Protein backbone atom coordinates (compact mmCIF):
# COMPACT_ATOMS: atom_id res chain seq x y z
CA MET A 1 6.90 -99.06 -14.00
CA TYR A 2 5.99 -101.41 -11.15
CA PRO A 3 3.15 -103.95 -11.59
CA THR A 4 1.16 -102.36 -8.75
CA GLN A 5 1.45 -98.96 -10.45
CA SER A 6 0.31 -100.36 -13.77
CA THR A 7 -2.60 -102.14 -12.10
CA ALA A 8 -3.63 -98.98 -10.25
CA TYR A 9 -3.53 -97.00 -13.50
CA GLY A 10 -5.77 -99.56 -15.23
CA TRP A 11 -8.26 -99.63 -12.37
CA LEU A 12 -8.44 -95.83 -12.27
CA MET A 13 -9.12 -95.71 -16.00
CA LEU A 14 -11.92 -98.24 -15.56
CA ALA A 15 -13.22 -96.20 -12.62
CA GLY A 16 -13.42 -93.15 -14.87
CA ILE A 17 -15.47 -95.09 -17.41
CA PHE A 18 -17.71 -96.47 -14.65
CA VAL A 19 -18.38 -92.99 -13.25
CA SER A 20 -19.26 -91.74 -16.72
CA ILE A 21 -21.69 -94.65 -17.22
CA VAL A 22 -23.41 -93.95 -13.89
CA LEU A 23 -23.81 -90.25 -14.65
CA TRP A 24 -24.93 -90.83 -18.24
CA SER A 25 -27.43 -93.52 -17.30
CA ARG A 26 -29.47 -90.89 -15.45
CA LEU A 27 -29.88 -88.98 -18.68
CA ALA A 28 -30.33 -92.03 -20.93
CA ARG A 29 -33.46 -93.11 -19.07
CA HIS A 30 -35.37 -90.38 -20.89
CA ASP A 31 -34.27 -91.32 -24.42
CA SER A 32 -32.78 -94.62 -25.61
CA ARG A 33 -30.82 -92.81 -28.33
CA LEU A 34 -28.58 -91.41 -25.63
CA VAL A 35 -27.15 -94.87 -25.03
CA LEU A 36 -25.90 -94.96 -28.63
CA ILE A 37 -24.60 -91.42 -28.29
CA TYR A 38 -22.60 -92.45 -25.22
CA VAL A 39 -21.18 -95.49 -27.04
CA ALA A 40 -20.20 -93.21 -29.93
CA ALA A 41 -18.54 -90.79 -27.51
CA LEU A 42 -16.53 -93.57 -25.86
CA THR A 43 -15.52 -95.11 -29.20
CA GLY A 44 -14.57 -91.76 -30.69
CA ALA A 45 -12.59 -90.84 -27.58
CA PHE A 46 -10.53 -94.04 -27.68
CA LEU A 47 -9.90 -93.70 -31.41
CA GLY A 48 -9.01 -90.02 -31.16
CA ALA A 49 -6.74 -90.64 -28.18
CA LYS A 50 -4.78 -93.21 -30.15
CA LEU A 51 -4.56 -91.27 -33.42
CA VAL A 52 -3.38 -88.03 -31.83
CA TYR A 53 -0.80 -89.93 -29.77
CA LEU A 54 0.53 -91.64 -32.88
CA GLY A 55 0.73 -88.33 -34.73
CA ALA A 56 2.24 -86.37 -31.85
CA GLU A 57 4.92 -88.80 -30.72
CA GLY A 58 4.04 -92.45 -31.29
CA TRP A 59 5.82 -92.54 -34.66
CA LEU A 60 9.05 -91.43 -32.97
CA HIS A 61 9.21 -94.78 -31.14
CA TRP A 62 9.07 -96.91 -34.29
CA HIS A 63 12.69 -98.06 -33.91
CA ASP A 64 12.35 -98.69 -30.18
CA ALA A 65 12.68 -102.33 -29.12
CA ASN A 66 9.44 -102.02 -27.17
CA ARG A 67 7.62 -100.10 -29.91
CA TRP A 68 4.56 -102.36 -30.03
CA LEU A 69 3.97 -102.01 -26.29
CA ILE A 70 4.53 -98.25 -26.48
CA LEU A 71 2.21 -97.84 -29.48
CA ALA A 72 -0.45 -100.04 -27.90
CA THR A 73 -0.54 -98.21 -24.56
CA GLY A 74 0.07 -94.62 -25.68
CA LYS A 75 -2.92 -92.27 -25.73
CA SER A 76 -3.77 -88.58 -25.60
CA ILE A 77 -6.40 -86.67 -23.63
CA THR A 78 -6.58 -83.94 -26.27
CA GLY A 79 -7.17 -86.64 -28.88
CA ALA A 80 -9.90 -88.20 -26.74
CA LEU A 81 -11.67 -84.84 -26.52
CA LEU A 82 -11.42 -84.27 -30.26
CA GLY A 83 -12.54 -87.78 -31.19
CA GLY A 84 -15.30 -87.91 -28.61
CA TYR A 85 -16.76 -84.56 -29.61
CA VAL A 86 -16.78 -85.33 -33.33
CA ALA A 87 -18.25 -88.80 -32.73
CA VAL A 88 -21.08 -87.37 -30.62
CA GLU A 89 -21.95 -84.77 -33.24
CA ILE A 90 -22.01 -87.44 -35.97
CA ALA A 91 -24.11 -89.80 -33.83
CA LYS A 92 -26.60 -87.06 -32.94
CA GLY A 93 -26.95 -86.17 -36.62
CA LEU A 94 -27.53 -89.77 -37.67
CA LEU A 95 -30.01 -90.40 -34.86
CA GLY A 96 -31.82 -87.11 -35.36
CA TYR A 97 -31.21 -86.08 -31.76
CA ARG A 98 -31.48 -82.30 -31.37
CA GLY A 99 -31.09 -81.98 -27.60
CA ALA A 100 -28.01 -80.64 -25.85
CA THR A 101 -25.83 -83.28 -24.18
CA GLY A 102 -22.74 -81.22 -23.48
CA ASP A 103 -23.70 -80.11 -19.97
CA TRP A 104 -23.42 -83.72 -18.82
CA PHE A 105 -20.13 -84.24 -20.63
CA ALA A 106 -18.84 -81.09 -18.91
CA ILE A 107 -19.16 -82.98 -15.62
CA ILE A 108 -18.11 -86.43 -16.83
CA VAL A 109 -14.94 -85.38 -18.67
CA PRO A 110 -13.15 -83.47 -15.86
CA VAL A 111 -13.89 -86.28 -13.41
CA GLY A 112 -12.53 -88.86 -15.86
CA ILE A 113 -9.40 -86.82 -16.55
CA MET A 114 -8.78 -86.30 -12.83
CA LEU A 115 -8.94 -90.05 -12.21
CA GLY A 116 -6.67 -90.63 -15.20
CA ARG A 117 -4.13 -88.12 -13.91
CA ILE A 118 -4.04 -89.86 -10.54
CA GLY A 119 -3.09 -92.95 -12.55
CA CYS A 120 -0.38 -90.95 -14.35
CA LEU A 121 1.00 -89.81 -11.01
CA LEU A 122 1.15 -93.38 -9.72
CA GLN A 123 2.64 -94.65 -12.96
CA GLY A 124 5.18 -91.84 -13.19
CA CYS A 125 4.29 -90.84 -16.75
CA CYS A 126 3.35 -87.56 -18.47
CA LEU A 127 6.16 -85.72 -16.71
CA GLY A 128 6.90 -82.03 -16.84
CA ARG A 129 10.20 -80.60 -18.01
CA VAL A 130 13.33 -81.04 -15.91
CA CYS A 131 13.85 -78.01 -13.69
CA ASP A 132 15.63 -76.92 -10.51
CA ALA A 133 14.39 -78.69 -7.40
CA SER A 134 11.85 -76.71 -5.42
CA TRP A 135 8.89 -77.22 -3.08
CA TYR A 136 6.54 -77.72 -6.03
CA THR A 137 8.66 -80.04 -8.20
CA ILE A 138 8.21 -83.79 -8.50
CA ASN A 139 11.10 -86.24 -8.63
CA ASP A 140 11.08 -89.07 -11.16
CA SER A 141 12.27 -92.61 -10.45
CA HIS A 142 15.88 -91.42 -10.83
CA GLY A 143 15.48 -88.55 -8.39
CA VAL A 144 15.46 -85.84 -11.08
CA ALA A 145 13.19 -82.84 -10.38
CA HIS A 146 10.41 -82.09 -12.88
CA TRP A 147 7.72 -79.47 -13.34
CA PRO A 148 4.52 -80.82 -11.67
CA ALA A 149 2.60 -81.24 -14.94
CA VAL A 150 0.26 -83.97 -13.72
CA PRO A 151 -0.81 -82.33 -10.43
CA LEU A 152 -1.34 -79.01 -12.20
CA GLU A 153 -3.61 -80.60 -14.79
CA PHE A 154 -5.49 -82.38 -12.01
CA LEU A 155 -6.02 -79.04 -10.24
CA PHE A 156 -7.13 -77.36 -13.47
CA ASN A 157 -9.80 -79.99 -14.04
CA ALA A 158 -10.90 -79.83 -10.41
CA LEU A 159 -11.27 -76.07 -10.79
CA MET A 160 -13.21 -76.44 -14.04
CA LEU A 161 -15.47 -79.05 -12.46
CA GLY A 162 -16.27 -76.56 -9.72
CA VAL A 163 -16.95 -73.83 -12.28
CA VAL A 164 -19.22 -76.11 -14.31
CA LEU A 165 -21.20 -77.16 -11.23
CA LEU A 166 -21.64 -73.53 -10.19
CA LEU A 167 -22.80 -72.54 -13.66
CA ARG A 168 -25.16 -75.49 -13.73
CA TRP A 169 -26.52 -74.65 -10.26
CA GLY A 170 -27.06 -71.04 -11.31
CA ARG A 171 -28.58 -72.10 -14.65
CA ILE A 172 -26.00 -69.97 -16.45
CA ALA A 173 -25.15 -70.75 -20.09
CA PRO A 174 -27.28 -73.93 -20.30
CA GLY A 175 -26.24 -76.15 -23.19
CA GLN A 176 -22.88 -74.38 -23.42
CA LEU A 177 -20.97 -75.83 -20.47
CA PHE A 178 -18.98 -78.39 -22.45
CA HIS A 179 -18.10 -75.78 -25.07
CA ILE A 180 -16.81 -73.56 -22.28
CA TYR A 181 -14.79 -76.46 -20.88
CA LEU A 182 -13.31 -77.31 -24.28
CA MET A 183 -12.21 -73.71 -24.88
CA ALA A 184 -10.71 -73.42 -21.39
CA TYR A 185 -8.93 -76.78 -21.53
CA GLY A 186 -7.61 -76.21 -25.05
CA ILE A 187 -6.10 -72.85 -24.11
CA PHE A 188 -4.72 -74.18 -20.82
CA ARG A 189 -3.19 -77.23 -22.47
CA PHE A 190 -1.63 -75.22 -25.32
CA PHE A 191 0.37 -73.02 -22.91
CA HIS A 192 0.99 -75.72 -20.31
CA GLU A 193 2.49 -77.91 -23.03
CA PHE A 194 5.58 -75.66 -23.04
CA MET A 195 6.30 -77.00 -19.55
CA ARG A 196 5.62 -80.66 -20.33
CA ASP A 197 8.27 -83.14 -21.39
CA THR A 198 6.84 -83.97 -24.81
CA PRO A 199 8.57 -84.08 -28.23
CA GLN A 200 8.60 -80.85 -30.24
CA ILE A 201 7.81 -81.69 -33.85
CA ILE A 202 7.56 -78.22 -35.46
CA GLY A 203 9.79 -75.54 -33.99
CA PRO A 204 9.03 -75.15 -30.26
CA PHE A 205 5.61 -76.76 -30.64
CA SER A 206 4.55 -80.30 -29.83
CA GLY A 207 1.87 -82.23 -31.67
CA TYR A 208 -0.31 -81.99 -28.59
CA GLN A 209 -0.34 -78.21 -28.88
CA PHE A 210 -1.90 -78.42 -32.33
CA ALA A 211 -4.45 -80.85 -30.93
CA ALA A 212 -5.11 -78.45 -28.03
CA LEU A 213 -5.80 -75.64 -30.50
CA GLY A 214 -8.22 -77.98 -32.26
CA VAL A 215 -10.00 -78.63 -28.96
CA ALA A 216 -10.32 -74.90 -28.25
CA ALA A 217 -11.51 -74.25 -31.82
CA LEU A 218 -14.18 -76.96 -31.61
CA GLY A 219 -15.40 -75.48 -28.37
CA ALA A 220 -15.56 -71.98 -29.86
CA VAL A 221 -17.37 -73.13 -33.01
CA GLY A 222 -19.82 -75.17 -30.95
CA PHE A 223 -20.44 -72.22 -28.64
CA VAL A 224 -21.19 -69.84 -31.51
CA ARG A 225 -23.46 -72.37 -33.26
CA ARG A 226 -25.44 -72.99 -30.07
CA GLN A 227 -25.78 -69.24 -29.48
CA ARG A 228 -27.12 -68.73 -33.01
CA ARG A 229 -29.61 -71.59 -32.61
CA SER A 230 -30.86 -70.11 -29.35
CA ALA A 231 -31.16 -66.67 -30.95
CA ASN A 232 -33.11 -68.14 -33.89
CA LYS A 233 -35.55 -69.89 -31.54
CA VAL A 234 -36.19 -66.64 -29.68
CA THR A 235 -36.77 -64.81 -32.97
CA GLN A 236 -39.15 -67.48 -34.26
CA HIS A 237 -41.21 -67.28 -31.07
């Protein structure tokens, strides 16, 4: 990894955080508790990203000469989604906040992941599996052709961002947009993982696939709970 690539990756990660702060600040002006909820989301995301990485593949590098650098820099998007979601739910419960915040996260998260994936592309990490060279493949630093895992995930998140904005514009499924995103991303990531160059820890499955199923499950549970709450409010009125 070249210094300029590493620097670009770091700046893009900071840019993702900055964008999320700008978007969230618009919402936080109406309720100071939302600042704490954002801090909880960011903290939970970083913690989850690290824990899932360590469980999925970090431990495999324990005997590597550069293990401390690898363990310190490794992170997982699926882990960030899991940790961030759980942290937000805990924070909202402790603060007594009953409003829906997910529609904002449904915009913030895809944008952040897209910026992060641009960093991955510049850094040359998160590669797809080795395959025959074609118009869509990406060559690594050694000239070996790989499945375009990073560009495909960028395109998926760009597509989901467009879907979320359309749903928001049409006032369709209010309060459910992040749950929809989580279900879609979890399912996409589970199947796309078969084409990514990540360690398989149980049979043909990687640790990230189990995390992806967890992301989809959280989204589904959250969706059903929100639907029931909405139904109860209608009944009570």
